[in-house]
């Protein structure tokens, strides 16, 4: 079954808005695990506007599920990942001042760079995923770079879901098939929600993991965290 990794960046954003340690990011992550979350995702940006480097170090010895660190592979980020040694590192092509991820890697143009970075993480025993748009060539060249997985950028799917979900899902099905053919594991994330997640999980073969933060945290304000995690996991319960 597809694993649910909870992105806790927004919890850190709330904490940082007031100062102090409320909400407690580490406690929240452990609660997510206790309530059924199968992974924790963080994205420590250079300006530390949400998750801080200190959070990453604090979380690592506490977590019992998969720990996924997202980020642009700058020298500082690579050093952090090598020290912490998470289960998975997800490479994103974000600029330092970017509000949120809004596109995948051009794995053709950045082939040499990605190959070198992935080799470094592979030698450290860290699974590497590359954030890509749902395009067959981008998936194929992610495999050529040595990635273990790709994470499909799902904002276009989420944006088009209400108008025509079959049209919105089509390129993702094609990309998923290409990932399997290349021997890549498949993750997905960005703007997945209780509205669109079940259909995505139903239609995308071999989906190993989804990383969800913003929508999940927003839903938890109304539903409570335990009920929210339960509902997201129900969306991932696809027969067959």
Protein backbone atom coordinates (compact mmCIF):
# COMPACT_ATOMS: atom_id res chain seq x y z
CA UNK A 1 0.00 0.00 0.00
CA UNK A 2 1.13 3.56 -0.68
CA UNK A 3 2.81 5.18 2.32
CA UNK A 4 1.72 8.56 3.68
CA UNK A 5 4.62 10.85 4.57
CA UNK A 6 3.49 13.95 6.47
CA UNK A 7 5.31 17.14 5.55
CA UNK A 8 5.57 19.17 8.77
CA UNK A 9 6.93 22.43 7.33
CA UNK A 10 3.70 24.32 8.08
CA UNK A 11 3.91 23.33 11.73
CA UNK A 12 7.35 24.90 11.90
CA UNK A 13 6.01 28.00 10.14
CA UNK A 14 3.38 28.41 12.86
CA UNK A 15 5.99 27.97 15.59
CA UNK A 16 8.35 30.48 14.00
CA UNK A 17 5.60 33.10 13.65
CA UNK A 18 5.42 33.50 17.42
CA UNK A 19 8.82 32.36 18.65
CA UNK A 20 9.37 29.79 21.34
CA UNK A 21 8.54 26.15 20.78
CA UNK A 22 4.76 26.02 20.40
CA UNK A 23 3.79 23.96 18.51
CA UNK A 24 6.62 21.55 19.21
CA UNK A 25 7.78 20.22 15.84
CA UNK A 26 9.33 17.06 17.26
CA UNK A 27 6.24 16.20 19.30
CA UNK A 28 4.02 16.82 16.28
CA UNK A 29 6.13 14.49 14.14
CA UNK A 30 5.97 11.75 16.77
CA UNK A 31 2.20 12.23 17.08
CA UNK A 32 1.87 11.84 13.30
CA UNK A 33 3.72 8.55 13.54
CA UNK A 34 1.60 7.37 16.47
CA UNK A 35 -1.58 8.25 14.55
CA UNK A 36 -0.61 6.18 11.52
CA UNK A 37 1.70 8.35 9.43
CA UNK A 38 4.32 6.18 7.75
CA UNK A 39 6.90 8.88 7.21
CA UNK A 40 7.92 12.43 8.04
CA UNK A 41 9.04 14.92 5.39
CA UNK A 42 10.90 18.19 6.00
CA UNK A 43 12.24 20.79 3.61
CA UNK A 44 14.93 22.88 5.34
CA UNK A 45 15.36 26.00 3.22
CA UNK A 46 18.44 28.26 3.45
CA UNK A 47 16.51 31.06 5.20
CA UNK A 48 15.04 28.59 7.75
CA UNK A 49 11.65 30.23 7.43
CA UNK A 50 10.00 27.00 8.55
CA UNK A 51 12.07 23.89 9.28
CA UNK A 52 15.46 24.75 10.75
CA UNK A 53 18.66 22.75 10.50
CA UNK A 54 18.42 22.23 14.25
CA UNK A 55 14.98 20.62 13.74
CA UNK A 56 16.48 18.13 11.29
CA UNK A 57 19.15 17.10 13.77
CA UNK A 58 16.60 16.87 16.60
CA UNK A 59 14.14 14.76 14.62
CA UNK A 60 16.55 12.12 13.33
CA UNK A 61 17.07 10.08 16.53
CA UNK A 62 13.40 10.33 17.51
CA UNK A 63 11.62 9.06 14.41
CA UNK A 64 10.62 5.43 13.95
CA UNK A 65 9.27 5.68 10.38
CA UNK A 66 10.85 6.90 7.16
CA UNK A 67 12.55 10.29 7.30
CA UNK A 68 12.54 12.21 4.02
CA UNK A 69 14.55 15.42 3.61
CA UNK A 70 13.73 17.59 0.60
CA UNK A 71 15.86 20.37 -0.77
CA UNK A 72 18.10 21.85 -3.42
CA UNK A 73 21.47 20.07 -3.32
CA UNK A 74 23.67 22.99 -2.36
CA UNK A 75 26.93 22.15 -0.57
CA UNK A 76 25.32 23.05 2.76
CA UNK A 77 22.29 20.83 2.07
CA UNK A 78 24.45 17.91 0.98
CA UNK A 79 26.50 18.22 4.16
CA UNK A 80 23.35 18.24 6.30
CA UNK A 81 21.94 15.13 4.62
CA UNK A 82 25.22 13.25 4.91
CA UNK A 83 25.39 14.02 8.61
CA UNK A 84 21.78 13.13 9.36
CA UNK A 85 21.51 10.14 6.98
CA UNK A 86 17.73 10.07 6.47
CA UNK A 87 15.92 7.18 4.81
CA UNK A 88 15.44 9.28 1.68
CA UNK A 89 16.60 12.56 0.21
CA UNK A 90 14.38 14.23 -2.40
CA UNK A 91 16.20 16.62 -4.70
CA UNK A 92 14.18 19.66 -5.78
CA UNK A 93 15.30 22.44 -8.16
CA UNK A 94 14.11 25.29 -5.94
CA UNK A 95 15.78 28.69 -5.84
CA UNK A 96 16.70 29.88 -2.31
CA UNK A 97 13.90 32.49 -2.21
CA UNK A 98 11.20 30.29 -3.74
CA UNK A 99 7.96 30.13 -1.74
CA UNK A 100 7.24 26.54 -2.67
CA UNK A 101 8.25 24.00 -5.32
CA UNK A 102 6.62 24.81 -8.66
CA UNK A 103 8.39 22.63 -11.21
CA UNK A 104 10.52 19.54 -11.54
CA UNK A 105 14.12 19.11 -12.61
CA UNK A 106 15.22 19.26 -16.22
CA UNK A 107 17.05 15.97 -15.80
CA UNK A 108 18.58 16.25 -19.27
CA UNK A 109 20.14 19.69 -18.80
CA UNK A 110 21.31 18.87 -15.25
CA UNK A 111 22.31 15.26 -15.91
CA UNK A 112 25.98 15.59 -14.91
CA UNK A 113 25.21 17.54 -11.74
CA UNK A 114 22.49 15.17 -10.60
CA UNK A 115 24.61 12.11 -11.35
CA UNK A 116 27.41 13.41 -9.13
CA UNK A 117 25.06 14.33 -6.27
CA UNK A 118 23.22 11.02 -6.42
CA UNK A 119 26.51 9.11 -6.39
CA UNK A 120 27.46 10.91 -3.19
CA UNK A 121 24.21 9.95 -1.45
CA UNK A 122 24.27 6.40 -2.80
CA UNK A 123 27.74 5.86 -1.34
CA UNK A 124 26.32 6.97 2.02
CA UNK A 125 23.46 4.46 1.75
CA UNK A 126 20.75 7.10 1.33
CA UNK A 127 17.87 6.49 -1.08
CA UNK A 128 17.57 9.34 -3.58
CA UNK A 129 14.44 10.63 -5.29
CA UNK A 130 14.34 13.33 -7.98
CA UNK A 131 11.41 15.75 -8.19
CA UNK A 132 10.20 15.77 -11.81
CA UNK A 133 7.32 16.90 -13.97
CA UNK A 134 5.19 14.06 -15.42
CA UNK A 135 7.21 13.77 -18.61
CA UNK A 136 8.65 10.50 -19.89
CA UNK A 137 12.03 11.99 -20.85
CA UNK A 138 12.48 13.56 -17.42
CA UNK A 139 11.79 10.19 -15.81
CA UNK A 140 14.14 8.34 -18.16
CA UNK A 141 17.01 10.73 -17.53
CA UNK A 142 16.41 10.58 -13.78
CA UNK A 143 17.08 6.87 -14.09
CA UNK A 144 20.23 7.55 -16.15
CA UNK A 145 21.45 9.83 -13.36
CA UNK A 146 21.21 6.90 -10.94
CA UNK A 147 18.14 7.88 -8.93
CA UNK A 148 16.31 5.26 -6.90
CA UNK A 149 12.95 7.00 -7.28
CA UNK A 150 11.23 9.95 -8.88
CA UNK A 151 8.64 12.14 -7.19
CA UNK A 152 6.00 13.39 -9.61
CA UNK A 153 5.09 17.06 -9.18
CA UNK A 154 1.31 16.92 -8.84
CA UNK A 155 0.21 20.57 -8.78
CA UNK A 156 -0.93 20.47 -12.45
CA UNK A 157 -3.02 17.38 -11.64
CA UNK A 158 -4.58 19.09 -8.62
CA UNK A 159 -5.32 22.24 -10.62
CA UNK A 160 -7.01 20.33 -13.43
CA UNK A 161 -8.81 17.76 -11.30
CA UNK A 162 -12.15 19.54 -10.95
CA UNK A 163 -12.50 20.42 -14.62
CA UNK A 164 -11.47 17.07 -16.12
CA UNK A 165 -9.82 14.53 -13.85
CA UNK A 166 -9.21 12.00 -16.64
CA UNK A 167 -7.30 14.58 -18.66
CA UNK A 168 -5.45 15.74 -15.55
CA UNK A 169 -4.29 12.25 -14.60
CA UNK A 170 -3.27 11.10 -18.09
CA UNK A 171 0.35 12.34 -18.14
CA UNK A 172 0.90 10.92 -14.67
CA UNK A 173 -0.19 7.46 -15.75
CA UNK A 174 2.24 7.63 -18.66
CA UNK A 175 5.06 8.84 -16.40
CA UNK A 176 4.31 6.12 -13.86
CA UNK A 177 4.56 3.44 -16.54
CA UNK A 178 7.88 4.92 -17.68
CA UNK A 179 9.17 4.87 -14.10
CA UNK A 180 8.36 1.19 -13.76
CA UNK A 181 10.03 0.43 -17.08
CA UNK A 182 13.16 2.20 -15.85
CA UNK A 183 13.15 0.30 -12.56
CA UNK A 184 12.43 3.43 -10.53
CA UNK A 185 10.33 3.67 -7.39
CA UNK A 186 7.51 6.20 -7.62
CA UNK A 187 6.57 8.98 -5.20
CA UNK A 188 4.22 11.94 -5.66
CA UNK A 189 3.52 15.23 -3.97
CA UNK A 190 2.29 18.83 -4.09
CA UNK A 191 -1.31 19.96 -3.67
CA UNK A 192 -2.64 16.45 -3.14
CA UNK A 193 -5.69 16.62 -0.87
CA UNK A 194 -8.70 14.72 0.41
CA UNK A 195 -10.52 15.87 -2.71
CA UNK A 196 -8.13 14.46 -5.31
CA UNK A 197 -5.89 11.88 -3.58
CA UNK A 198 -8.09 8.77 -3.84
CA UNK A 199 -8.49 9.07 -7.60
CA UNK A 200 -4.76 9.66 -8.03
CA UNK A 201 -3.89 6.59 -5.96
CA UNK A 202 -6.46 4.51 -7.83
CA UNK A 203 -5.12 5.40 -11.26
CA UNK A 204 -1.35 5.51 -10.66
CA UNK A 205 0.28 2.07 -10.62
CA UNK A 206 3.13 1.23 -8.22
CA UNK A 207 2.79 4.40 -6.15
CA UNK A 208 5.18 3.90 -3.23
CA UNK A 209 4.71 7.13 -1.27
CA UNK A 210 2.92 10.47 -1.21
CA UNK A 211 4.26 13.47 0.68
CA UNK A 212 1.51 15.82 1.86
CA UNK A 213 1.80 18.88 4.06
CA UNK A 214 -0.20 22.03 3.40
CA UNK A 215 -3.60 20.45 2.72
CA UNK A 216 -3.21 17.91 5.51
CA UNK A 217 -2.35 20.56 8.10
CA UNK A 218 -5.26 22.74 6.93
CA UNK A 219 -7.65 19.79 7.23
CA UNK A 220 -6.33 19.02 10.71
CA UNK A 221 -7.48 22.46 11.91
CA UNK A 222 -11.08 21.32 11.35
CA UNK A 223 -10.93 17.55 11.68
CA UNK A 224 -8.17 17.05 14.21
CA UNK A 225 -4.84 15.43 13.39
CA UNK A 226 -5.76 11.80 14.08
CA UNK A 227 -8.95 11.93 11.99
CA UNK A 228 -7.14 13.74 9.18
CA UNK A 229 -4.35 11.18 8.95
CA UNK A 230 -6.97 8.42 9.05
CA UNK A 231 -8.85 9.95 6.11
CA UNK A 232 -5.72 10.46 4.02
CA UNK A 233 -4.70 6.86 4.59
CA UNK A 234 -8.19 5.73 3.57
CA UNK A 235 -7.69 7.56 0.27
CA UNK A 236 -4.63 5.39 -0.32
CA UNK A 237 -6.40 2.08 0.30
CA UNK A 238 -6.64 0.94 -3.29
CA UNK A 239 -7.69 -2.64 -4.00
CA UNK A 240 -5.28 -4.63 -6.09
